């Protein structure tokens, strides 16, 4: 298999890539730019080596290189990540907050049971860490 001379294929200069890398606030995008920079400057001689240096597996590295070759660096600077949808809609969230204000739900287990009985929605304890009855009542005490 013939080796690719990445310095010839990568249009951007090392300094430009380094500058872009430092500008990135999101680690995923920063690592994509770093991957290209490592290939350009010759620190990594293969996609696998460059990927390993930024925490990517071989297949991820191959796909990243393919994307760079077909769409350019600008495509690597886009973040298409979308978070997951909440299980509760805004009305259900309001009901939940009202229920927590009543101070009769004191444990996450009780809250999980109430959500299942009243709304038919299952949450795990880790899924409810943001609305722990104990942390909610302590924040109410602090506000008084």
N, C-alpha and C. Protein backbone atom coordinates (compact mmCIF):
# COMPACT_ATOMS: atom_id res chain seq x y z
N UNK A 1 0.84 -1.17 0.00
CA UNK A 1 0.00 0.00 0.00
C UNK A 1 0.89 1.24 0.00
N UNK A 2 0.65 2.14 -0.92
CA UNK A 2 1.45 3.36 -1.02
C UNK A 2 1.09 4.30 0.12
N UNK A 3 2.10 4.91 0.70
CA UNK A 3 1.83 5.84 1.79
C UNK A 3 1.45 7.20 1.21
N UNK A 4 0.59 7.89 1.93
CA UNK A 4 0.11 9.20 1.50
C UNK A 4 1.06 10.26 2.03
N UNK A 5 1.38 11.22 1.19
CA UNK A 5 2.20 12.34 1.63
C UNK A 5 1.22 13.45 2.04
N UNK A 6 0.91 13.47 3.33
CA UNK A 6 -0.14 14.35 3.83
C UNK A 6 0.21 15.83 3.66
N UNK A 7 1.49 16.16 3.73
CA UNK A 7 1.90 17.55 3.59
C UNK A 7 1.45 18.14 2.25
N UNK A 8 1.38 17.31 1.23
CA UNK A 8 0.95 17.77 -0.10
C UNK A 8 -0.57 17.90 -0.20
N UNK A 9 -1.29 17.04 0.48
CA UNK A 9 -2.75 17.04 0.39
C UNK A 9 -3.40 18.09 1.28
N UNK A 10 -2.77 18.40 2.40
CA UNK A 10 -3.35 19.36 3.35
C UNK A 10 -2.96 20.76 2.92
N UNK A 11 -3.98 21.55 2.55
CA UNK A 11 -3.75 22.89 2.00
C UNK A 11 -3.30 23.89 3.06
N UNK A 12 -3.87 23.80 4.25
CA UNK A 12 -3.60 24.77 5.31
C UNK A 12 -2.19 24.58 5.86
N UNK A 13 -1.61 25.66 6.32
CA UNK A 13 -0.29 25.60 6.92
C UNK A 13 -0.36 25.16 8.38
N UNK A 14 0.77 24.72 8.91
CA UNK A 14 0.84 24.26 10.29
C UNK A 14 0.45 25.38 11.25
N UNK A 15 0.96 26.61 11.01
CA UNK A 15 0.64 27.73 11.89
C UNK A 15 -0.85 28.05 11.88
N UNK A 16 -1.45 28.00 10.70
CA UNK A 16 -2.89 28.26 10.58
C UNK A 16 -3.68 27.21 11.35
N UNK A 17 -3.29 25.95 11.21
CA UNK A 17 -3.98 24.86 11.91
C UNK A 17 -3.80 24.98 13.42
N UNK A 18 -2.60 25.34 13.84
CA UNK A 18 -2.34 25.51 15.27
C UNK A 18 -3.19 26.64 15.84
N UNK A 19 -3.29 27.73 15.09
CA UNK A 19 -4.13 28.86 15.52
C UNK A 19 -5.59 28.46 15.64
N UNK A 20 -6.09 27.74 14.63
CA UNK A 20 -7.47 27.27 14.67
C UNK A 20 -7.70 26.31 15.84
N UNK A 21 -6.73 25.47 16.08
CA UNK A 21 -6.82 24.51 17.17
C UNK A 21 -6.96 25.23 18.51
N UNK A 22 -6.16 26.26 18.71
CA UNK A 22 -6.19 27.01 19.97
C UNK A 22 -7.47 27.81 20.15
N UNK A 23 -8.11 28.19 19.04
CA UNK A 23 -9.35 28.97 19.10
C UNK A 23 -10.55 28.14 19.52
N UNK A 24 -10.48 26.84 19.32
CA UNK A 24 -11.65 25.99 19.53
C UNK A 24 -11.98 25.85 21.01
N UNK A 25 -13.25 26.03 21.31
CA UNK A 25 -13.72 25.86 22.68
C UNK A 25 -14.25 24.44 22.91
N UNK A 26 -14.65 23.78 21.85
CA UNK A 26 -15.18 22.43 21.96
C UNK A 26 -14.08 21.42 21.65
N UNK A 27 -13.89 20.49 22.58
CA UNK A 27 -12.80 19.51 22.46
C UNK A 27 -12.91 18.67 21.19
N UNK A 28 -14.12 18.30 20.81
CA UNK A 28 -14.31 17.46 19.63
C UNK A 28 -13.76 18.15 18.38
N UNK A 29 -14.07 19.43 18.22
CA UNK A 29 -13.62 20.17 17.05
C UNK A 29 -12.12 20.42 17.14
N UNK A 30 -11.64 20.75 18.33
CA UNK A 30 -10.20 20.97 18.53
C UNK A 30 -9.41 19.71 18.14
N UNK A 31 -9.90 18.55 18.52
CA UNK A 31 -9.21 17.30 18.20
C UNK A 31 -9.22 17.00 16.71
N UNK A 32 -10.29 17.38 16.02
CA UNK A 32 -10.32 17.20 14.57
C UNK A 32 -9.23 18.03 13.90
N UNK A 33 -9.11 19.29 14.32
CA UNK A 33 -8.08 20.17 13.75
C UNK A 33 -6.70 19.64 14.11
N UNK A 34 -6.52 19.19 15.35
CA UNK A 34 -5.23 18.65 15.79
C UNK A 34 -4.85 17.43 14.95
N UNK A 35 -5.83 16.58 14.65
CA UNK A 35 -5.61 15.40 13.82
C UNK A 35 -4.99 15.80 12.48
N UNK A 36 -5.57 16.81 11.83
CA UNK A 36 -5.06 17.29 10.53
C UNK A 36 -3.68 17.91 10.71
N UNK A 37 -3.51 18.69 11.77
CA UNK A 37 -2.21 19.34 12.01
C UNK A 37 -1.10 18.31 12.22
N UNK A 38 -1.38 17.27 12.98
CA UNK A 38 -0.37 16.23 13.23
C UNK A 38 0.07 15.56 11.94
N UNK A 39 -0.87 15.37 11.03
CA UNK A 39 -0.52 14.79 9.73
C UNK A 39 0.28 15.78 8.90
N UNK A 40 -0.12 17.05 8.92
CA UNK A 40 0.55 18.08 8.12
C UNK A 40 2.00 18.27 8.56
N UNK A 41 2.23 18.35 9.87
CA UNK A 41 3.59 18.63 10.34
C UNK A 41 4.46 17.38 10.38
N UNK A 42 3.88 16.21 10.16
CA UNK A 42 4.66 14.98 10.11
C UNK A 42 4.87 14.32 11.46
N UNK A 43 4.27 14.86 12.51
CA UNK A 43 4.36 14.23 13.83
C UNK A 43 3.77 12.83 13.77
N UNK A 44 2.69 12.70 13.01
CA UNK A 44 2.08 11.40 12.76
C UNK A 44 2.23 11.09 11.28
N UNK A 45 2.65 9.87 10.98
CA UNK A 45 2.87 9.50 9.58
C UNK A 45 1.68 8.78 8.97
N UNK A 46 0.75 8.34 9.83
CA UNK A 46 -0.43 7.64 9.34
C UNK A 46 -1.68 8.20 10.03
N UNK A 47 -2.82 7.91 9.44
CA UNK A 47 -4.08 8.32 10.06
C UNK A 47 -4.26 7.64 11.41
N UNK A 48 -3.83 6.40 11.50
CA UNK A 48 -3.95 5.66 12.75
C UNK A 48 -3.12 6.31 13.85
N UNK A 49 -1.89 6.73 13.53
CA UNK A 49 -1.04 7.39 14.52
C UNK A 49 -1.64 8.72 14.97
N UNK A 50 -2.09 9.52 14.01
CA UNK A 50 -2.68 10.82 14.34
C UNK A 50 -3.94 10.62 15.19
N UNK A 51 -4.74 9.64 14.81
CA UNK A 51 -5.95 9.36 15.58
C UNK A 51 -5.64 8.93 16.99
N UNK A 52 -4.65 8.07 17.15
CA UNK A 52 -4.28 7.60 18.48
C UNK A 52 -3.83 8.77 19.37
N UNK A 53 -3.16 9.74 18.78
CA UNK A 53 -2.68 10.89 19.55
C UNK A 53 -3.82 11.80 20.04
N UNK A 54 -4.96 11.74 19.36
CA UNK A 54 -6.10 12.56 19.80
C UNK A 54 -7.25 11.70 20.36
N UNK A 55 -7.00 10.40 20.52
CA UNK A 55 -7.99 9.53 21.14
C UNK A 55 -9.04 8.95 20.20
N UNK A 56 -8.68 8.77 18.93
CA UNK A 56 -9.61 8.19 17.96
C UNK A 56 -9.17 6.78 17.58
N UNK A 57 -10.13 5.95 17.26
CA UNK A 57 -9.83 4.62 16.73
C UNK A 57 -9.54 4.75 15.23
N UNK A 58 -9.01 3.70 14.64
CA UNK A 58 -8.62 3.72 13.23
C UNK A 58 -9.78 4.12 12.32
N UNK A 59 -10.94 3.50 12.50
CA UNK A 59 -12.07 3.79 11.62
C UNK A 59 -12.51 5.25 11.73
N UNK A 60 -12.52 5.79 12.95
CA UNK A 60 -12.87 7.20 13.13
C UNK A 60 -11.87 8.09 12.41
N UNK A 61 -10.60 7.72 12.49
CA UNK A 61 -9.55 8.49 11.82
C UNK A 61 -9.73 8.46 10.31
N UNK A 62 -10.05 7.28 9.79
CA UNK A 62 -10.26 7.16 8.34
C UNK A 62 -11.44 8.01 7.88
N UNK A 63 -12.52 8.00 8.65
CA UNK A 63 -13.69 8.79 8.28
C UNK A 63 -13.40 10.29 8.38
N UNK A 64 -12.62 10.68 9.36
CA UNK A 64 -12.25 12.08 9.52
C UNK A 64 -11.40 12.55 8.33
N UNK A 65 -10.44 11.72 7.91
CA UNK A 65 -9.61 12.06 6.76
C UNK A 65 -10.47 12.13 5.49
N UNK A 66 -11.39 11.18 5.34
CA UNK A 66 -12.27 11.18 4.17
C UNK A 66 -13.11 12.45 4.13
N UNK A 67 -13.62 12.87 5.28
CA UNK A 67 -14.41 14.09 5.35
C UNK A 67 -13.56 15.31 4.99
N UNK A 68 -12.34 15.35 5.50
CA UNK A 68 -11.44 16.47 5.18
C UNK A 68 -11.18 16.51 3.67
N UNK A 69 -10.87 15.36 3.09
CA UNK A 69 -10.55 15.31 1.65
C UNK A 69 -11.73 15.71 0.78
N UNK A 70 -12.93 15.31 1.16
CA UNK A 70 -14.09 15.59 0.30
C UNK A 70 -14.75 16.94 0.57
N UNK A 71 -14.69 17.43 1.82
CA UNK A 71 -15.43 18.64 2.16
C UNK A 71 -14.57 19.78 2.70
N UNK A 72 -13.31 19.49 2.98
CA UNK A 72 -12.42 20.53 3.45
C UNK A 72 -12.45 20.75 4.96
N UNK A 73 -11.57 21.61 5.40
CA UNK A 73 -11.41 21.87 6.83
C UNK A 73 -12.67 22.49 7.44
N UNK A 74 -13.36 23.32 6.68
CA UNK A 74 -14.56 23.99 7.22
C UNK A 74 -15.60 22.98 7.71
N UNK A 75 -15.68 21.82 7.05
CA UNK A 75 -16.65 20.81 7.48
C UNK A 75 -16.26 20.20 8.83
N UNK A 76 -14.97 20.19 9.14
CA UNK A 76 -14.53 19.65 10.42
C UNK A 76 -14.78 20.63 11.56
N UNK A 77 -14.99 21.89 11.22
CA UNK A 77 -15.20 22.92 12.24
C UNK A 77 -16.67 23.03 12.65
N UNK A 78 -17.54 22.27 12.00
CA UNK A 78 -18.97 22.29 12.31
C UNK A 78 -19.28 21.24 13.36
N UNK A 79 -20.12 21.62 14.31
CA UNK A 79 -20.54 20.67 15.33
C UNK A 79 -22.00 20.33 15.09
N UNK A 80 -22.26 19.09 14.76
CA UNK A 80 -23.62 18.65 14.46
C UNK A 80 -24.26 17.91 15.64
N UNK A 81 -23.63 17.99 16.81
CA UNK A 81 -24.14 17.27 17.97
C UNK A 81 -25.45 17.90 18.44
N UNK A 82 -26.44 17.07 18.67
CA UNK A 82 -27.71 17.52 19.24
C UNK A 82 -27.96 16.68 20.48
N UNK A 83 -28.26 17.34 21.56
CA UNK A 83 -28.55 16.63 22.81
C UNK A 83 -29.83 15.81 22.70
N UNK A 84 -30.06 15.00 23.68
CA UNK A 84 -31.26 14.17 23.66
C UNK A 84 -32.47 14.96 24.15
N UNK A 85 -33.64 14.49 23.79
CA UNK A 85 -34.89 15.12 24.20
C UNK A 85 -35.19 14.76 25.64
N UNK A 86 -35.82 15.69 26.35
CA UNK A 86 -36.24 15.44 27.72
C UNK A 86 -37.43 14.48 27.71
N UNK A 87 -37.55 13.69 28.77
CA UNK A 87 -38.68 12.78 28.86
C UNK A 87 -39.96 13.52 29.24
N UNK A 88 -39.82 14.62 29.96
CA UNK A 88 -40.98 15.38 30.42
C UNK A 88 -41.18 16.62 29.56
N UNK A 89 -42.44 16.85 29.16
CA UNK A 89 -42.72 18.10 28.45
C UNK A 89 -42.86 19.23 29.48
N UNK A 90 -43.09 20.44 29.03
CA UNK A 90 -43.10 21.59 29.95
C UNK A 90 -44.23 21.50 30.97
N UNK A 91 -45.39 20.97 30.60
CA UNK A 91 -46.49 20.81 31.56
C UNK A 91 -46.13 19.79 32.64
N UNK A 92 -45.53 18.69 32.21
CA UNK A 92 -45.12 17.66 33.17
C UNK A 92 -44.03 18.18 34.10
N UNK A 93 -43.12 18.98 33.56
CA UNK A 93 -42.07 19.57 34.40
C UNK A 93 -42.68 20.49 35.45
N UNK A 94 -43.69 21.26 35.06
CA UNK A 94 -44.37 22.16 36.01
C UNK A 94 -45.06 21.35 37.11
N UNK A 95 -45.73 20.25 36.73
CA UNK A 95 -46.36 19.37 37.74
C UNK A 95 -45.33 18.79 38.68
N UNK A 96 -44.18 18.39 38.14
CA UNK A 96 -43.12 17.84 38.96
C UNK A 96 -42.62 18.88 39.97
N UNK A 97 -42.41 20.09 39.53
CA UNK A 97 -41.94 21.14 40.43
C UNK A 97 -42.97 21.44 41.52
N UNK A 98 -44.26 21.45 41.16
CA UNK A 98 -45.31 21.65 42.16
C UNK A 98 -45.28 20.53 43.20
N UNK A 99 -45.10 19.32 42.72
CA UNK A 99 -45.05 18.17 43.63
C UNK A 99 -43.86 18.28 44.57
N UNK A 100 -42.73 18.69 44.06
CA UNK A 100 -41.54 18.83 44.90
C UNK A 100 -41.71 19.95 45.92
N UNK A 101 -42.48 20.98 45.58
CA UNK A 101 -42.72 22.09 46.52
C UNK A 101 -43.60 21.67 47.70
N UNK A 102 -44.33 20.58 47.57
CA UNK A 102 -45.21 20.12 48.65
C UNK A 102 -44.43 19.51 49.82
N UNK A 103 -43.18 19.21 49.63
CA UNK A 103 -42.29 18.67 50.68
C UNK A 103 -42.69 17.30 51.23
N UNK A 104 -43.58 16.57 50.55
CA UNK A 104 -43.92 15.23 51.03
C UNK A 104 -43.14 14.14 50.30
N UNK A 105 -42.43 14.50 49.25
CA UNK A 105 -41.56 13.56 48.55
C UNK A 105 -40.15 13.84 49.06
N UNK A 106 -39.59 12.87 49.79
CA UNK A 106 -38.30 13.13 50.44
C UNK A 106 -37.14 12.33 49.86
N UNK A 107 -37.44 11.33 49.04
CA UNK A 107 -36.35 10.53 48.46
C UNK A 107 -36.53 10.42 46.94
N UNK A 108 -35.44 10.10 46.28
CA UNK A 108 -35.51 9.89 44.83
C UNK A 108 -36.39 8.69 44.51
N UNK A 109 -36.35 7.69 45.36
CA UNK A 109 -37.16 6.49 45.13
C UNK A 109 -38.66 6.84 45.11
N UNK A 110 -39.08 7.70 46.06
CA UNK A 110 -40.48 8.13 46.09
C UNK A 110 -40.82 8.93 44.83
N UNK A 111 -39.89 9.76 44.40
CA UNK A 111 -40.11 10.57 43.20
C UNK A 111 -40.23 9.69 41.96
N UNK A 112 -39.38 8.68 41.87
CA UNK A 112 -39.44 7.74 40.74
C UNK A 112 -40.79 7.03 40.70
N UNK A 113 -41.26 6.59 41.88
CA UNK A 113 -42.56 5.92 41.95
C UNK A 113 -43.69 6.86 41.53
N UNK A 114 -43.64 8.11 41.99
CA UNK A 114 -44.67 9.08 41.64
C UNK A 114 -44.69 9.34 40.14
N UNK A 115 -43.51 9.50 39.53
CA UNK A 115 -43.44 9.73 38.09
C UNK A 115 -44.03 8.56 37.30
N UNK A 116 -43.75 7.34 37.76
CA UNK A 116 -44.28 6.16 37.07
C UNK A 116 -45.79 6.07 37.23
N UNK A 117 -46.30 6.33 38.45
CA UNK A 117 -47.74 6.21 38.70
C UNK A 117 -48.53 7.34 38.04
N UNK A 118 -48.05 8.56 38.17
CA UNK A 118 -48.81 9.72 37.69
C UNK A 118 -48.63 10.00 36.20
N UNK A 119 -47.43 9.75 35.69
CA UNK A 119 -47.14 10.14 34.31
C UNK A 119 -46.75 8.98 33.41
N UNK A 120 -46.54 7.81 34.01
CA UNK A 120 -46.17 6.65 33.21
C UNK A 120 -44.77 6.75 32.62
N UNK A 121 -43.90 7.51 33.30
CA UNK A 121 -42.54 7.72 32.80
C UNK A 121 -41.56 7.13 33.79
N UNK A 122 -40.62 6.33 33.27
CA UNK A 122 -39.62 5.71 34.13
C UNK A 122 -38.31 6.48 34.08
N UNK A 123 -37.82 6.81 35.26
CA UNK A 123 -36.50 7.41 35.40
C UNK A 123 -35.67 6.52 36.31
N UNK A 124 -34.37 6.49 36.06
CA UNK A 124 -33.45 5.84 36.99
C UNK A 124 -33.05 6.88 38.02
N UNK A 125 -32.41 6.45 39.10
CA UNK A 125 -31.97 7.42 40.11
C UNK A 125 -30.95 8.39 39.54
N UNK A 126 -30.05 7.90 38.70
CA UNK A 126 -29.04 8.80 38.12
C UNK A 126 -29.69 9.79 37.16
N UNK A 127 -30.81 9.41 36.56
CA UNK A 127 -31.51 10.31 35.66
C UNK A 127 -32.22 11.45 36.38
N UNK A 128 -32.39 11.30 37.68
CA UNK A 128 -33.07 12.32 38.48
C UNK A 128 -32.12 13.12 39.36
N UNK A 129 -30.85 13.00 39.16
CA UNK A 129 -29.92 13.68 40.07
C UNK A 129 -30.12 15.19 40.08
N UNK A 130 -30.68 15.76 39.01
CA UNK A 130 -30.90 17.20 38.96
C UNK A 130 -32.09 17.62 39.82
N UNK A 131 -33.03 16.72 40.09
CA UNK A 131 -34.23 17.10 40.83
C UNK A 131 -34.37 16.33 42.12
N UNK A 132 -33.29 16.08 42.78
CA UNK A 132 -33.34 15.34 44.03
C UNK A 132 -34.17 16.10 45.06
N UNK A 133 -35.16 15.44 45.68
CA UNK A 133 -35.98 16.11 46.69
C UNK A 133 -35.13 16.70 47.82
N UNK A 134 -34.09 15.99 48.23
CA UNK A 134 -33.25 16.48 49.33
C UNK A 134 -32.52 17.76 48.94
N UNK A 135 -31.97 17.81 47.75
CA UNK A 135 -31.24 19.01 47.34
C UNK A 135 -32.20 20.17 47.11
N UNK A 136 -33.42 19.87 46.68
CA UNK A 136 -34.42 20.92 46.46
C UNK A 136 -34.86 21.52 47.79
N UNK A 137 -35.08 20.69 48.81
CA UNK A 137 -35.52 21.24 50.10
C UNK A 137 -34.40 22.01 50.78
N UNK A 138 -33.14 21.58 50.60
CA UNK A 138 -32.04 22.33 51.20
C UNK A 138 -31.86 23.68 50.53
N UNK A 139 -32.14 23.76 49.22
CA UNK A 139 -32.03 25.05 48.54
C UNK A 139 -33.19 25.96 48.94
N UNK A 140 -34.36 25.36 49.27
CA UNK A 140 -35.48 26.17 49.75
C UNK A 140 -35.17 26.74 51.13
N UNK A 141 -34.51 25.93 51.99
CA UNK A 141 -34.14 26.42 53.32
C UNK A 141 -33.17 27.57 53.21
N UNK A 142 -32.23 27.47 52.28
CA UNK A 142 -31.23 28.52 52.11
C UNK A 142 -31.88 29.81 51.63
N UNK A 143 -32.96 29.70 50.87
CA UNK A 143 -33.63 30.89 50.33
C UNK A 143 -34.48 31.59 51.38
N UNK A 144 -34.86 30.88 52.45
CA UNK A 144 -35.74 31.47 53.49
C UNK A 144 -35.04 32.46 54.34
